[in-house]
Amino acid sequence: MRLAKIVLAGAAALTISSSAALISSAALAQQPLTGVVTEVDRINRMVAIQPTQGGTVGANTAGAAEEFKVPAGLSLDTVHAGDKVTYSVSETGGTRTITKLQQQ
């Protein structure tokens, strides 16, 4: 009986620590990203953003621009190619969607 209680307590502790790791990784995924808008397609509600490289290693090399769907709740009227932006992205069913878009 005592051994069973010890095993159950250990399993509960392991479950709690794994849940905390999942929550912290989800929080990291929601951190804002930065980049430069390369294209705005207002008709199809798409925006292409070239992500900003972090750090100093490879800072002069730019990555390829990524295209994102923009939901109807976000305005594209003030965003133009060449603007530096901060943005957040979510992905559902293979479609990457901007959840937050703000000029710097």
C-alpha atoms as a PDB file:
ATOM      1  CA  MET A   1       0.000   0.000   0.000  1.00  0.00           C
ATOM      2  CA  ARG A   2       2.790   2.422   0.898  1.00  0.00           C
ATOM      3  CA  LEU A   3       4.642   1.602  -2.335  1.00  0.00           C
ATOM      4  CA  ALA A   4       1.504   2.317  -4.371  1.00  0.00           C
ATOM      5  CA  LYS A   5       1.175   5.761  -2.753  1.00  0.00           C
ATOM      6  CA  ILE A   6       4.808   6.555  -3.547  1.00  0.00           C
ATOM      7  CA  VAL A   7       4.380   5.485  -7.180  1.00  0.00           C
ATOM      8  CA  LEU A   8       1.190   7.555  -7.547  1.00  0.00           C
ATOM      9  CA  ALA A   9       2.852  10.616  -5.983  1.00  0.00           C
ATOM     10  CA  GLY A  10       5.801  10.274  -8.370  1.00  0.00           C
ATOM     11  CA  ALA A  11       3.486   9.957 -11.377  1.00  0.00           C
ATOM     12  CA  ALA A  12       1.546  13.049 -10.286  1.00  0.00           C
ATOM     13  CA  ALA A  13       4.760  15.048  -9.891  1.00  0.00           C
ATOM     14  CA  LEU A  14       5.927  13.966 -13.341  1.00  0.00           C
ATOM     15  CA  THR A  15       2.589  14.950 -14.901  1.00  0.00           C
ATOM     16  CA  ILE A  16       2.717  18.404 -13.293  1.00  0.00           C
ATOM     17  CA  SER A  17       6.291  19.066 -14.474  1.00  0.00           C
ATOM     18  CA  SER A  18       5.446  17.963 -18.064  1.00  0.00           C
ATOM     19  CA  SER A  19       2.407  20.251 -18.113  1.00  0.00           C
ATOM     20  CA  ALA A  20       4.541  23.184 -16.965  1.00  0.00           C
ATOM     21  CA  ALA A  21       7.018  22.517 -19.798  1.00  0.00           C
ATOM     22  CA  LEU A  22       4.199  22.484 -22.365  1.00  0.00           C
ATOM     23  CA  ILE A  23       2.770  25.744 -21.043  1.00  0.00           C
ATOM     24  CA  SER A  24       6.150  27.499 -21.185  1.00  0.00           C
ATOM     25  CA  SER A  25       6.809  26.316 -24.769  1.00  0.00           C
ATOM     26  CA  ALA A  26       3.359  27.571 -25.832  1.00  0.00           C
ATOM     27  CA  ALA A  27       4.155  30.945 -24.273  1.00  0.00           C
ATOM     28  CA  LEU A  28       7.394  31.102 -26.271  1.00  0.00           C
ATOM     29  CA  ALA A  29       5.480  30.465 -29.487  1.00  0.00           C
ATOM     30  CA  GLN A  30       3.348  33.548 -28.817  1.00  0.00           C
ATOM     31  CA  GLN A  31       6.305  35.927 -28.443  1.00  0.00           C
ATOM     32  CA  PRO A  32       6.137  38.747 -30.985  1.00  0.00           C
ATOM     33  CA  LEU A  33       8.324  38.452 -34.082  1.00  0.00           C
ATOM     34  CA  THR A  34       9.854  41.338 -36.031  1.00  0.00           C
ATOM     35  CA  GLY A  35      10.331  41.799 -39.750  1.00  0.00           C
ATOM     36  CA  VAL A  36       9.918  43.992 -42.815  1.00  0.00           C
ATOM     37  CA  VAL A  37       6.771  43.927 -44.953  1.00  0.00           C
ATOM     38  CA  THR A  38       7.697  43.023 -48.532  1.00  0.00           C
ATOM     39  CA  GLU A  39       4.225  42.772 -50.097  1.00  0.00           C
ATOM     40  CA  VAL A  40       0.642  43.651 -49.163  1.00  0.00           C
ATOM     41  CA  ASP A  41      -2.259  42.053 -51.076  1.00  0.00           C
ATOM     42  CA  ARG A  42      -5.338  43.854 -49.752  1.00  0.00           C
ATOM     43  CA  ILE A  43      -7.754  42.066 -52.123  1.00  0.00           C
ATOM     44  CA  ASN A  44      -6.794  38.553 -50.969  1.00  0.00           C
ATOM     45  CA  ARG A  45      -5.944  39.723 -47.417  1.00  0.00           C
ATOM     46  CA  MET A  46      -2.374  38.407 -47.542  1.00  0.00           C
ATOM     47  CA  VAL A  47       0.861  39.997 -46.361  1.00  0.00           C
ATOM     48  CA  ALA A  48       4.451  38.885 -46.976  1.00  0.00           C
ATOM     49  CA  ILE A  49       6.992  39.604 -44.230  1.00  0.00           C
ATOM     50  CA  GLN A  50      10.736  39.069 -44.289  1.00  0.00           C
ATOM     51  CA  PRO A  51      11.693  38.068 -40.719  1.00  0.00           C
ATOM     52  CA  THR A  52      14.469  40.018 -38.995  1.00  0.00           C
ATOM     53  CA  GLN A  53      17.494  37.935 -38.068  1.00  0.00           C
ATOM     54  CA  GLY A  54      18.307  37.923 -34.349  1.00  0.00           C
ATOM     55  CA  GLY A  55      21.802  38.328 -32.899  1.00  0.00           C
ATOM     56  CA  THR A  56      24.977  39.131 -34.782  1.00  0.00           C
ATOM     57  CA  VAL A  57      25.737  35.822 -36.493  1.00  0.00           C
ATOM     58  CA  GLY A  58      24.430  36.059 -40.041  1.00  0.00           C
ATOM     59  CA  ALA A  59      22.807  39.428 -39.332  1.00  0.00           C
ATOM     60  CA  ASN A  60      23.642  40.647 -42.845  1.00  0.00           C
ATOM     61  CA  THR A  61      21.904  37.743 -44.532  1.00  0.00           C
ATOM     62  CA  ALA A  62      18.150  38.021 -44.946  1.00  0.00           C
ATOM     63  CA  GLY A  63      15.762  35.079 -44.913  1.00  0.00           C
ATOM     64  CA  ALA A  64      13.045  34.553 -47.480  1.00  0.00           C
ATOM     65  CA  ALA A  65       9.791  36.431 -47.030  1.00  0.00           C
ATOM     66  CA  GLU A  66       6.898  34.413 -45.623  1.00  0.00           C
ATOM     67  CA  GLU A  67       3.254  34.883 -46.654  1.00  0.00           C
ATOM     68  CA  PHE A  68       0.506  35.103 -44.048  1.00  0.00           C
ATOM     69  CA  LYS A  69      -3.290  35.301 -44.181  1.00  0.00           C
ATOM     70  CA  VAL A  70      -4.724  38.393 -42.455  1.00  0.00           C
ATOM     71  CA  PRO A  71      -8.101  38.027 -40.722  1.00  0.00           C
ATOM     72  CA  ALA A  72     -10.886  40.545 -41.342  1.00  0.00           C
ATOM     73  CA  GLY A  73     -10.405  42.069 -37.877  1.00  0.00           C
ATOM     74  CA  LEU A  74      -6.944  43.453 -38.716  1.00  0.00           C
ATOM     75  CA  SER A  75      -6.641  46.538 -40.900  1.00  0.00           C
ATOM     76  CA  LEU A  76      -4.193  46.545 -43.815  1.00  0.00           C
ATOM     77  CA  ASP A  77      -4.836  50.220 -44.676  1.00  0.00           C
ATOM     78  CA  THR A  78      -1.808  51.562 -42.775  1.00  0.00           C
ATOM     79  CA  VAL A  79       0.654  48.781 -43.677  1.00  0.00           C
ATOM     80  CA  HIS A  80       2.912  49.263 -46.698  1.00  0.00           C
ATOM     81  CA  ALA A  81       5.874  47.442 -48.253  1.00  0.00           C
ATOM     82  CA  GLY A  82       9.070  48.466 -46.500  1.00  0.00           C
ATOM     83  CA  ASP A  83       7.434  48.986 -43.081  1.00  0.00           C
ATOM     84  CA  LYS A  84       9.163  47.441 -40.069  1.00  0.00           C
ATOM     85  CA  VAL A  85       6.578  45.524 -38.044  1.00  0.00           C
ATOM     86  CA  THR A  86       6.085  43.432 -34.944  1.00  0.00           C
ATOM     87  CA  TYR A  87       3.730  40.501 -35.475  1.00  0.00           C
ATOM     88  CA  SER A  88       2.390  37.288 -33.989  1.00  0.00           C
ATOM     89  CA  VAL A  89       1.323  34.232 -35.964  1.00  0.00           C
ATOM     90  CA  SER A  90      -0.874  31.203 -35.400  1.00  0.00           C
ATOM     91  CA  GLU A  91      -1.133  28.143 -37.622  1.00  0.00           C
ATOM     92  CA  THR A  92      -4.269  26.104 -38.216  1.00  0.00           C
ATOM     93  CA  GLY A  93      -4.580  23.387 -40.796  1.00  0.00           C
ATOM     94  CA  GLY A  94      -1.355  24.442 -42.520  1.00  0.00           C
ATOM     95  CA  THR A  95      -2.498  28.060 -42.949  1.00  0.00           C
ATOM     96  CA  ARG A  96      -0.383  30.642 -41.140  1.00  0.00           C
ATOM     97  CA  THR A  97      -2.459  33.585 -39.951  1.00  0.00           C
ATOM     98  CA  ILE A  98      -1.352  36.909 -38.471  1.00  0.00           C
ATOM     99  CA  THR A  99      -2.900  37.386 -35.034  1.00  0.00           C
ATOM    100  CA  LYS A 100      -1.248  40.747 -34.304  1.00  0.00           C
ATOM    101  CA  LEU A 101       0.378  43.247 -36.681  1.00  0.00           C
ATOM    102  CA  GLN A 102       1.876  46.510 -35.473  1.00  0.00           C
ATOM    103  CA  GLN A 103       4.222  49.017 -37.096  1.00  0.00           C
ATOM    104  CA  GLN A 104       7.438  49.791 -35.227  1.00  0.00           C
END
